[in-house]
């Protein structure tokens, strides 16, 4: 099945955060399968690149159970050249998901455990003196990868968090006055624990605004958890993805072609205006002391385009905008302290805004 479930807001999800609509391209006669084309065929969709990207979800599901929504969000981030902030309690397979996604896409991945004593050079790399040549040489840090898993990013001081800003925005790092480009593609998948805040440092607004999406990675349902335990009882080893059957079904070449296709997805002036109206409504919401910036509007546009392409369409609809509104905007707003004390939830306010802003016909 190619149905892509959406990113929801958890137990308190509003109607606006319901699962994304399933992509069901109209049946069309499919051409012959190109030699060496990755992934199984879907005769409903003649685009082999989209088939390959959709097949990634099936591969990840061989190792990770019940987290299709997060995988979909990661794919949208990769297609949109954006970064992802994942919020979830320990033990829900965040690291395994990133490793499985990287394996299915033939991408390199590295993990950094963020701690209070982590230094910026531990992320970006540093100059090292070579006693044999009597010269300094640059030793790359773990940021030189395709998918960087920044685990518990809020456990390191702002100085180290700031070391990622240039990498996230410019896809490069500067050390000793020299700029060094990062590999392509490059995204950051950062995690944070939603319940344990002792010893943490809130992410600055400038850094939050650089994440395309904020996804919630919930605990699995009962049936999914039974399946997780059944796999472990059968000998599943999360360190051996090959034994779990995870194989590459796409690669950087397919990803680049997909990005080009996403960039060509059309968006009408009325949908553009709808995005702006939604964003401007967050700035006027009484519960918010900080609304969404123009960068957030661009992120919503890019995410909606990627979702439209994954759904098999060459144009963006208002439903695409609604589907991506919560994951694209929830981390770019801030509640008034009074609203927080009254128990107001960000997703609830955003849901009310989506229900009140007129939808173009």
Foldseek 3Di string as FASTA:
>chain_A
DLFQFAFAPPPPGDPLRGTAGGQQAAQDAADDDDPPQFADDDNRANDSLLRLLSRLLVLLCLQAFDQRNVSVVVLLCLLLLAAEEEEEAPDNCPVLSVVLSCQQAVWWEDEDEAAAPDALCQAAWAWDQDPVVRDTDTDGHRQQTAEYEYEQVQLYDPNNVVSCLCCLPVQWHAYPRDIDHHDPPHYYYYYHYPPDPPNGHDHDLSSLLRGLFYGYRYHHDPVRVVVVVVCVVVPDDSVCSVVSVRHHRHYPVSSVVSSVLLVQQAEDPLLLVLLVQLQVVQPVDPFWPFTADVSLSVSLVSSLSSVCVSSPHSYGANSSSSSCVCGSTLSNIHGDPVCVVVVDHSSVSSVVSSVPRDGDD
